[in-house]
Structure formats: structure tokens, C-alpha cells
Amino acid sequence: MSATQEKPSILCMFSGGIDSTGALHHLLTEEKFADCKLFVHHIHIHNRENRAKAEAKAVKHILQYYKKNVSRNFVFTESTFNSTGFGPLKATRFPYDADVIAFYAANIATARKDIGQVVVGRTKTDVESGGNYSSRMRRRQEIFDAVWLLEKDTKPEFFYPILELTKEEVWYSLPEAVRNWTWWCRTPVYKNEIAKPCGRCGTCMQVKTFIDGSN
């Protein structure tokens, strides 16, 4: 790359959760990314878990913090994916977040050919979790590849800036004000429009090992 060429832009898929916030924090504070144009995209995922409202609130306040406290520009965009209409099917499953993220990220990247990397929050804790995690990550890549199939340009790569950190290490790497706004629960409980962690889902059980589980 010549001195006059700009570095490839970065697309960060941001949910307001601990992992994606850790990834975003890394991009906003590490000097090596300072010259990269940064796009931050949030998908309002509406499904039977009913997390969209809680995540949207987290995203709003976290981004407000960084706009105020970090001298790093970024472009924020958002979109909506809604599978609540699956109800009458009495379906036992609904689309994985990773699948939705891959589809939207690929479409954004086809619209902005300067994007060279797609960042998602993936941690050491995820990698070591076992189960079908590896299969789901392969499927995410396959979905991304399928969308890119008709494109002639070089395909962006997924990049995991916090892959060497556990979820706990990511949590403590964040400013306290940011930690207080992150959202992790899969099935929030709403009371007077205020979301609270259920305390029972897999992620709640996971974070209880290093925080008190309150928001």
C-alpha cells in the first residue's frame, strides 16, 4: 500500500453485548486502527427472546459514551430483522444471531467496497465453549460467502480483535460506565418498560461467575 492510499475500512457489527462492546472498544482505542474508517452497525433483532429493546438501549448509551470520551470518528448505521411472525408456525427454532449478522454484514460490504474487515465479538470463552459453536461459525462464513458470490472484488475477512481474551477479561477491560450499560441476557424480563436480566439463561449463568448479574 502506498503512502497516499487509505487503509481498508472496518465494519464492526455491534449488539451492545459484552463481546461486541469489547471489540468496538478495541477498535476505538488502539492506535493501529486510528487511520481506518470505521462503520458501526447494529441490527435490531426481533424474535421470541424479546431482547431488541434492551439491546437498543445499551447501544444508544454505549455509543454516546464513546462519542463523548474518545476522539475517534465512526459512522453508525442500523437495520431491523424480525422473525416474530414465525409464531403461527409453532416453530421450535428461529434464525441464529450469527446467521443474521453474516447476511447483513455481507450486504453492507457489497455496498461499501472499501470495507476490508468485518469485526464481530468473539472471545476465548466462545472458542472453548464446545457444543456446536464451531459449526455455527462455519455456517456464518458460508452465509457471508453466499452473499458475496456474485461480487468480483476481494472478499472482506472476518476479524476477531478480542479472540485471545475471555469474556471476564473483556468485561474488566471496559470503562466502568460502559460496563454498566452492556446487555448480556438472552431473555430479559421487563417491568414498567425497564429490562432486567432473567438470571437463568446461559449467558446470565456465565456472567454470574464474575459479576453480580444486575444491570
C-alpha atoms as a PDB file:
ATOM      1  CA  MET A   1       0.000   0.000   0.000  1.00  0.00           C
ATOM      2  CA  SER A   2       1.421   3.371  -0.980  1.00  0.00           C
ATOM      3  CA  ALA A   3       1.592   6.265   1.460  1.00  0.00           C
ATOM      4  CA  THR A   4      -1.244   8.002  -0.382  1.00  0.00           C
ATOM      5  CA  GLN A   5      -3.635   5.041  -0.211  1.00  0.00           C
ATOM      6  CA  GLU A   6      -6.143   4.845   2.592  1.00  0.00           C
ATOM      7  CA  LYS A   7      -6.283   1.766   4.766  1.00  0.00           C
ATOM      8  CA  PRO A   8      -9.295  -0.513   4.160  1.00  0.00           C
ATOM      9  CA  SER A   9     -12.368   0.449   6.149  1.00  0.00           C
ATOM     10  CA  ILE A  10     -13.627  -1.705   9.014  1.00  0.00           C
ATOM     11  CA  LEU A  11     -17.217  -2.767   9.656  1.00  0.00           C
ATOM     12  CA  CYS A  12     -17.986  -3.575  13.301  1.00  0.00           C
ATOM     13  CA  MET A  13     -21.202  -5.491  13.942  1.00  0.00           C
ATOM     14  CA  PHE A  14     -22.356  -4.182  17.313  1.00  0.00           C
ATOM     15  CA  SER A  15     -25.091  -5.591  19.567  1.00  0.00           C
ATOM     16  CA  GLY A  16     -24.387  -3.783  22.837  1.00  0.00           C
ATOM     17  CA  GLY A  17     -23.320  -7.054  24.466  1.00  0.00           C
ATOM     18  CA  ILE A  18     -20.087  -7.630  26.364  1.00  0.00           C
ATOM     19  CA  ASP A  19     -18.245  -9.242  23.454  1.00  0.00           C
ATOM     20  CA  SER A  20     -19.180  -6.790  20.700  1.00  0.00           C
ATOM     21  CA  THR A  21     -18.564  -3.865  23.066  1.00  0.00           C
ATOM     22  CA  GLY A  22     -15.117  -5.253  23.814  1.00  0.00           C
ATOM     23  CA  ALA A  23     -14.404  -5.476  20.087  1.00  0.00           C
ATOM     24  CA  LEU A  24     -15.634  -1.933  19.491  1.00  0.00           C
ATOM     25  CA  HIS A  25     -13.606  -0.605  22.436  1.00  0.00           C
ATOM     26  CA  HIS A  26     -10.514  -2.204  20.924  1.00  0.00           C
ATOM     27  CA  LEU A  27     -11.126  -0.551  17.553  1.00  0.00           C
ATOM     28  CA  LEU A  28     -11.767   2.859  19.111  1.00  0.00           C
ATOM     29  CA  THR A  29      -8.771   2.908  21.431  1.00  0.00           C
ATOM     30  CA  GLU A  30      -5.965   1.009  19.675  1.00  0.00           C
ATOM     31  CA  GLU A  31      -3.622   3.288  17.746  1.00  0.00           C
ATOM     32  CA  LYS A  32      -3.165   0.813  14.877  1.00  0.00           C
ATOM     33  CA  PHE A  33      -6.803   1.317  13.844  1.00  0.00           C
ATOM     34  CA  ALA A  34      -6.744   5.119  14.086  1.00  0.00           C
ATOM     35  CA  ASP A  35      -6.353   5.632  10.325  1.00  0.00           C
ATOM     36  CA  CYS A  36      -9.082   3.157   9.328  1.00  0.00           C
ATOM     37  CA  LYS A  37     -12.548   4.443   8.518  1.00  0.00           C
ATOM     38  CA  LEU A  38     -14.914   2.723  10.918  1.00  0.00           C
ATOM     39  CA  PHE A  39     -18.530   1.733  10.362  1.00  0.00           C
ATOM     40  CA  VAL A  40     -20.546   0.501  13.341  1.00  0.00           C
ATOM     41  CA  HIS A  41     -23.757  -1.359  12.559  1.00  0.00           C
ATOM     42  CA  HIS A  42     -26.476  -2.529  14.933  1.00  0.00           C
ATOM     43  CA  ILE A  43     -29.249  -4.935  13.928  1.00  0.00           C
ATOM     44  CA  HIS A  44     -32.476  -4.689  15.898  1.00  0.00           C
ATOM     45  CA  ILE A  45     -33.191  -8.429  16.051  1.00  0.00           C
ATOM     46  CA  HIS A  46     -36.812  -9.022  16.982  1.00  0.00           C
ATOM     47  CA  ASN A  47     -37.592 -12.610  17.938  1.00  0.00           C
ATOM     48  CA  ARG A  48     -39.313 -14.506  20.719  1.00  0.00           C
ATOM     49  CA  GLU A  49     -36.425 -13.798  23.118  1.00  0.00           C
ATOM     50  CA  ASN A  50     -37.568 -10.143  23.127  1.00  0.00           C
ATOM     51  CA  ARG A  51     -34.090  -8.640  23.517  1.00  0.00           C
ATOM     52  CA  ALA A  52     -34.321  -5.880  20.907  1.00  0.00           C
ATOM     53  CA  LYS A  53     -35.456  -3.107  23.237  1.00  0.00           C
ATOM     54  CA  ALA A  54     -32.846  -3.899  25.884  1.00  0.00           C
ATOM     55  CA  GLU A  55     -30.056  -4.100  23.322  1.00  0.00           C
ATOM     56  CA  ALA A  56     -31.111  -0.866  21.626  1.00  0.00           C
ATOM     57  CA  LYS A  57     -30.874   0.985  24.937  1.00  0.00           C
ATOM     58  CA  ALA A  58     -27.421  -0.454  25.583  1.00  0.00           C
ATOM     59  CA  VAL A  59     -26.230   0.521  22.100  1.00  0.00           C
ATOM     60  CA  LYS A  60     -27.521   4.074  22.483  1.00  0.00           C
ATOM     61  CA  HIS A  61     -25.764   4.751  25.785  1.00  0.00           C
ATOM     62  CA  ILE A  62     -22.517   2.971  24.918  1.00  0.00           C
ATOM     63  CA  LEU A  63     -22.139   4.902  21.672  1.00  0.00           C
ATOM     64  CA  GLN A  64     -22.945   8.158  23.478  1.00  0.00           C
ATOM     65  CA  TYR A  65     -20.091   7.410  25.891  1.00  0.00           C
ATOM     66  CA  TYR A  66     -17.561   6.822  23.116  1.00  0.00           C
ATOM     67  CA  LYS A  67     -18.655   9.846  21.093  1.00  0.00           C
ATOM     68  CA  LYS A  68     -18.107  11.978  24.182  1.00  0.00           C
ATOM     69  CA  ASN A  69     -14.938  10.399  25.574  1.00  0.00           C
ATOM     70  CA  VAL A  70     -12.959   9.035  22.621  1.00  0.00           C
ATOM     71  CA  SER A  71     -11.597  11.255  19.850  1.00  0.00           C
ATOM     72  CA  ARG A  72     -12.279   8.715  17.123  1.00  0.00           C
ATOM     73  CA  ASN A  73     -14.871   9.222  14.410  1.00  0.00           C
ATOM     74  CA  PHE A  74     -17.158   6.439  13.217  1.00  0.00           C
ATOM     75  CA  VAL A  75     -20.302   6.110  11.124  1.00  0.00           C
ATOM     76  CA  PHE A  76     -23.233   4.424  12.860  1.00  0.00           C
ATOM     77  CA  THR A  77     -25.969   2.639  10.932  1.00  0.00           C
ATOM     78  CA  GLU A  78     -28.769   0.305  11.941  1.00  0.00           C
ATOM     79  CA  SER A  79     -31.277  -2.113  10.460  1.00  0.00           C
ATOM     80  CA  THR A  80     -34.080  -4.429  11.593  1.00  0.00           C
ATOM     81  CA  PHE A  81     -34.615  -8.186  11.339  1.00  0.00           C
ATOM     82  CA  ASN A  82     -37.943  -9.521  12.566  1.00  0.00           C
ATOM     83  CA  SER A  83     -38.832 -13.198  12.920  1.00  0.00           C
ATOM     84  CA  THR A  84     -41.717 -12.757  15.372  1.00  0.00           C
ATOM     85  CA  GLY A  85     -44.065 -13.638  12.509  1.00  0.00           C
ATOM     86  CA  PHE A  86     -42.854 -17.229  12.810  1.00  0.00           C
ATOM     87  CA  GLY A  87     -45.291 -17.614  15.731  1.00  0.00           C
ATOM     88  CA  PRO A  88     -48.167 -19.278  13.839  1.00  0.00           C
ATOM     89  CA  LEU A  89     -45.720 -21.902  12.543  1.00  0.00           C
ATOM     90  CA  LYS A  90     -45.192 -23.061  16.132  1.00  0.00           C
ATOM     91  CA  ALA A  91     -41.546 -23.300  15.133  1.00  0.00           C
ATOM     92  CA  THR A  92     -39.117 -24.745  17.653  1.00  0.00           C
ATOM     93  CA  ARG A  93     -36.239 -22.633  16.309  1.00  0.00           C
ATOM     94  CA  PHE A  94     -35.575 -19.202  14.860  1.00  0.00           C
ATOM     95  CA  PRO A  95     -32.547 -17.764  12.986  1.00  0.00           C
ATOM     96  CA  TYR A  96     -29.276 -17.652  14.901  1.00  0.00           C
ATOM     97  CA  ASP A  97     -27.904 -14.178  15.566  1.00  0.00           C
ATOM     98  CA  ALA A  98     -24.675 -15.211  13.821  1.00  0.00           C
ATOM     99  CA  ASP A  99     -26.583 -16.082  10.633  1.00  0.00           C
ATOM    100  CA  VAL A 100     -28.397 -12.744  10.619  1.00  0.00           C
ATOM    101  CA  ILE A 101     -25.165 -10.852  11.289  1.00  0.00           C
ATOM    102  CA  ALA A 102     -23.385 -12.630   8.418  1.00  0.00           C
ATOM    103  CA  PHE A 103     -26.175 -11.836   5.961  1.00  0.00           C
ATOM    104  CA  TYR A 104     -26.367  -8.140   6.860  1.00  0.00           C
ATOM    105  CA  ALA A 105     -22.586  -7.708   7.090  1.00  0.00           C
ATOM    106  CA  ALA A 106     -22.075  -9.167   3.628  1.00  0.00           C
ATOM    107  CA  ASN A 107     -24.721  -6.913   2.132  1.00  0.00           C
ATOM    108  CA  ILE A 108     -23.206  -3.837   3.774  1.00  0.00           C
ATOM    109  CA  ALA A 109     -19.781  -4.842   2.484  1.00  0.00           C
ATOM    110  CA  THR A 110     -21.084  -5.231  -1.074  1.00  0.00           C
ATOM    111  CA  ALA A 111     -22.450  -1.691  -0.839  1.00  0.00           C
ATOM    112  CA  ARG A 112     -19.162  -0.322   0.555  1.00  0.00           C
ATOM    113  CA  LYS A 113     -16.354  -1.965  -1.362  1.00  0.00           C
ATOM    114  CA  ASP A 114     -13.758  -0.138   0.741  1.00  0.00           C
ATOM    115  CA  ILE A 115     -14.582  -2.412   3.689  1.00  0.00           C
ATOM    116  CA  GLY A 116     -11.709  -4.836   4.161  1.00  0.00           C
ATOM    117  CA  GLN A 117     -12.573  -6.392   7.523  1.00  0.00           C
ATOM    118  CA  VAL A 118     -15.761  -7.326   9.326  1.00  0.00           C
ATOM    119  CA  VAL A 119     -15.367  -7.309  13.104  1.00  0.00           C
ATOM    120  CA  VAL A 120     -17.525  -9.335  15.478  1.00  0.00           C
ATOM    121  CA  GLY A 121     -17.157 -10.014  19.176  1.00  0.00           C
ATOM    122  CA  ARG A 122     -15.638 -13.474  19.513  1.00  0.00           C
ATOM    123  CA  THR A 123     -13.759 -14.403  22.674  1.00  0.00           C
ATOM    124  CA  LYS A 124     -11.597 -17.193  24.041  1.00  0.00           C
ATOM    125  CA  THR A 125     -14.606 -18.182  26.158  1.00  0.00           C
ATOM    126  CA  ASP A 126     -16.632 -18.760  22.982  1.00  0.00           C
ATOM    127  CA  VAL A 127     -13.931 -20.873  21.374  1.00  0.00           C
ATOM    128  CA  GLU A 128     -13.587 -23.047  24.468  1.00  0.00           C
ATOM    129  CA  SER A 129     -17.339 -23.442  24.971  1.00  0.00           C
ATOM    130  CA  GLY A 130     -17.594 -26.563  22.775  1.00  0.00           C
ATOM    131  CA  GLY A 131     -21.045 -27.644  21.637  1.00  0.00           C
ATOM    132  CA  ASN A 132     -21.928 -26.578  18.101  1.00  0.00           C
ATOM    133  CA  TYR A 133     -20.091 -23.257  18.252  1.00  0.00           C
ATOM    134  CA  SER A 134     -17.524 -24.164  15.583  1.00  0.00           C
ATOM    135  CA  SER A 135     -20.251 -25.417  13.247  1.00  0.00           C
ATOM    136  CA  ARG A 136     -22.207 -22.187  13.655  1.00  0.00           C
ATOM    137  CA  MET A 137     -19.112 -20.112  12.899  1.00  0.00           C
ATOM    138  CA  ARG A 138     -18.501 -22.125   9.720  1.00  0.00           C
ATOM    139  CA  ARG A 139     -22.094 -21.553   8.713  1.00  0.00           C
ATOM    140  CA  ARG A 140     -21.711 -17.815   9.323  1.00  0.00           C
ATOM    141  CA  GLN A 141     -18.778 -17.781   6.921  1.00  0.00           C
ATOM    142  CA  GLU A 142     -20.747 -19.800   4.363  1.00  0.00           C
ATOM    143  CA  ILE A 143     -23.670 -17.352   4.528  1.00  0.00           C
ATOM    144  CA  PHE A 144     -21.279 -14.438   4.054  1.00  0.00           C
ATOM    145  CA  ASP A 145     -19.631 -16.217   1.127  1.00  0.00           C
ATOM    146  CA  ALA A 146     -23.013 -16.963  -0.483  1.00  0.00           C
ATOM    147  CA  VAL A 147     -23.999 -13.284  -0.461  1.00  0.00           C
ATOM    148  CA  TRP A 148     -20.596 -12.363  -1.919  1.00  0.00           C
ATOM    149  CA  LEU A 149     -20.846 -14.975  -4.688  1.00  0.00           C
ATOM    150  CA  LEU A 150     -21.719 -12.528  -7.475  1.00  0.00           C
ATOM    151  CA  GLU A 151     -19.098  -9.953  -6.474  1.00  0.00           C
ATOM    152  CA  LYS A 152     -15.810  -9.611  -8.346  1.00  0.00           C
ATOM    153  CA  ASP A 153     -13.995  -7.629  -5.677  1.00  0.00           C
ATOM    154  CA  THR A 154     -11.791  -9.132  -2.984  1.00  0.00           C
ATOM    155  CA  LYS A 155     -13.937 -10.500  -0.194  1.00  0.00           C
ATOM    156  CA  PRO A 156     -13.566  -8.873   3.270  1.00  0.00           C
ATOM    157  CA  GLU A 157     -12.334 -11.090   6.073  1.00  0.00           C
ATOM    158  CA  PHE A 158     -13.828 -11.640   9.497  1.00  0.00           C
ATOM    159  CA  PHE A 159     -11.564 -10.235  12.198  1.00  0.00           C
ATOM    160  CA  TYR A 160     -11.738 -11.037  15.909  1.00  0.00           C
ATOM    161  CA  PRO A 161      -9.768  -8.410  17.884  1.00  0.00           C
ATOM    162  CA  ILE A 162     -10.534  -9.878  21.320  1.00  0.00           C
ATOM    163  CA  LEU A 163     -10.123 -13.553  20.454  1.00  0.00           C
ATOM    164  CA  GLU A 164      -7.336 -14.033  22.993  1.00  0.00           C
ATOM    165  CA  LEU A 165      -9.428 -12.667  25.874  1.00  0.00           C
ATOM    166  CA  THR A 166     -12.030 -14.431  27.998  1.00  0.00           C
ATOM    167  CA  LYS A 167     -15.432 -12.818  28.483  1.00  0.00           C
ATOM    168  CA  GLU A 168     -14.374 -11.912  32.024  1.00  0.00           C
ATOM    169  CA  GLU A 169     -11.184 -10.250  30.780  1.00  0.00           C
ATOM    170  CA  VAL A 170     -13.193  -8.313  28.214  1.00  0.00           C
ATOM    171  CA  TRP A 171     -15.605  -7.161  30.940  1.00  0.00           C
ATOM    172  CA  TYR A 172     -12.820  -5.753  33.098  1.00  0.00           C
ATOM    173  CA  SER A 173     -11.073  -4.148  30.130  1.00  0.00           C
ATOM    174  CA  LEU A 174     -14.060  -1.846  29.568  1.00  0.00           C
ATOM    175  CA  PRO A 175     -14.541   1.521  31.291  1.00  0.00           C
ATOM    176  CA  GLU A 176     -16.918   1.156  34.229  1.00  0.00           C
ATOM    177  CA  ALA A 177     -19.500   3.455  32.614  1.00  0.00           C
ATOM    178  CA  VAL A 178     -19.532   1.226  29.544  1.00  0.00           C
ATOM    179  CA  ARG A 179     -19.751  -1.988  31.577  1.00  0.00           C
ATOM    180  CA  ASN A 180     -22.807  -0.635  33.332  1.00  0.00           C
ATOM    181  CA  TRP A 181     -24.640  -0.251  30.017  1.00  0.00           C
ATOM    182  CA  THR A 182     -23.745  -3.528  28.303  1.00  0.00           C
ATOM    183  CA  TRP A 183     -26.534  -6.065  27.864  1.00  0.00           C
ATOM    184  CA  TRP A 184     -25.989  -9.820  28.025  1.00  0.00           C
ATOM    185  CA  CYS A 185     -29.244 -11.616  28.923  1.00  0.00           C
ATOM    186  CA  ARG A 186     -30.930 -13.688  26.194  1.00  0.00           C
ATOM    187  CA  THR A 187     -34.428 -13.479  27.670  1.00  0.00           C
ATOM    188  CA  PRO A 188     -34.889 -10.188  29.549  1.00  0.00           C
ATOM    189  CA  VAL A 189     -37.708  -9.577  31.999  1.00  0.00           C
ATOM    190  CA  TYR A 190     -39.490  -6.234  31.551  1.00  0.00           C
ATOM    191  CA  LYS A 191     -41.112  -4.366  34.390  1.00  0.00           C
ATOM    192  CA  ASN A 192     -42.530  -0.901  33.706  1.00  0.00           C
ATOM    193  CA  GLU A 193     -40.602  -0.918  30.405  1.00  0.00           C
ATOM    194  CA  ILE A 194     -37.319  -1.492  32.262  1.00  0.00           C
ATOM    195  CA  ALA A 195     -35.375  -4.594  31.213  1.00  0.00           C
ATOM    196  CA  LYS A 196     -33.724  -6.800  33.823  1.00  0.00           C
ATOM    197  CA  PRO A 197     -31.586  -9.916  33.252  1.00  0.00           C
ATOM    198  CA  CYS A 198     -33.541 -13.140  33.734  1.00  0.00           C
ATOM    199  CA  GLY A 199     -30.703 -14.703  35.732  1.00  0.00           C
ATOM    200  CA  ARG A 200     -31.416 -18.126  34.213  1.00  0.00           C
ATOM    201  CA  CYS A 201     -30.318 -18.119  30.553  1.00  0.00           C
ATOM    202  CA  GLY A 202     -26.928 -19.439  29.512  1.00  0.00           C
ATOM    203  CA  THR A 203     -25.305 -16.027  29.263  1.00  0.00           C
ATOM    204  CA  CYS A 204     -26.657 -14.909  32.631  1.00  0.00           C
ATOM    205  CA  MET A 205     -25.227 -18.038  34.238  1.00  0.00           C
ATOM    206  CA  GLN A 206     -21.931 -17.374  32.500  1.00  0.00           C
ATOM    207  CA  VAL A 207     -21.531 -13.789  33.649  1.00  0.00           C
ATOM    208  CA  LYS A 208     -22.615 -14.608  37.212  1.00  0.00           C
ATOM    209  CA  THR A 209     -19.185 -16.144  37.659  1.00  0.00           C
ATOM    210  CA  PHE A 210     -17.577 -12.695  37.555  1.00  0.00           C
ATOM    211  CA  ILE A 211     -20.303 -10.087  38.114  1.00  0.00           C
ATOM    212  CA  ASP A 212     -23.416  -9.955  40.271  1.00  0.00           C
ATOM    213  CA  GLY A 213     -25.801 -10.279  37.291  1.00  0.00           C
ATOM    214  CA  SER A 214     -27.556  -6.975  37.859  1.00  0.00           C
ATOM    215  CA  ASN A 215     -27.840  -4.213  35.282  1.00  0.00           C
END
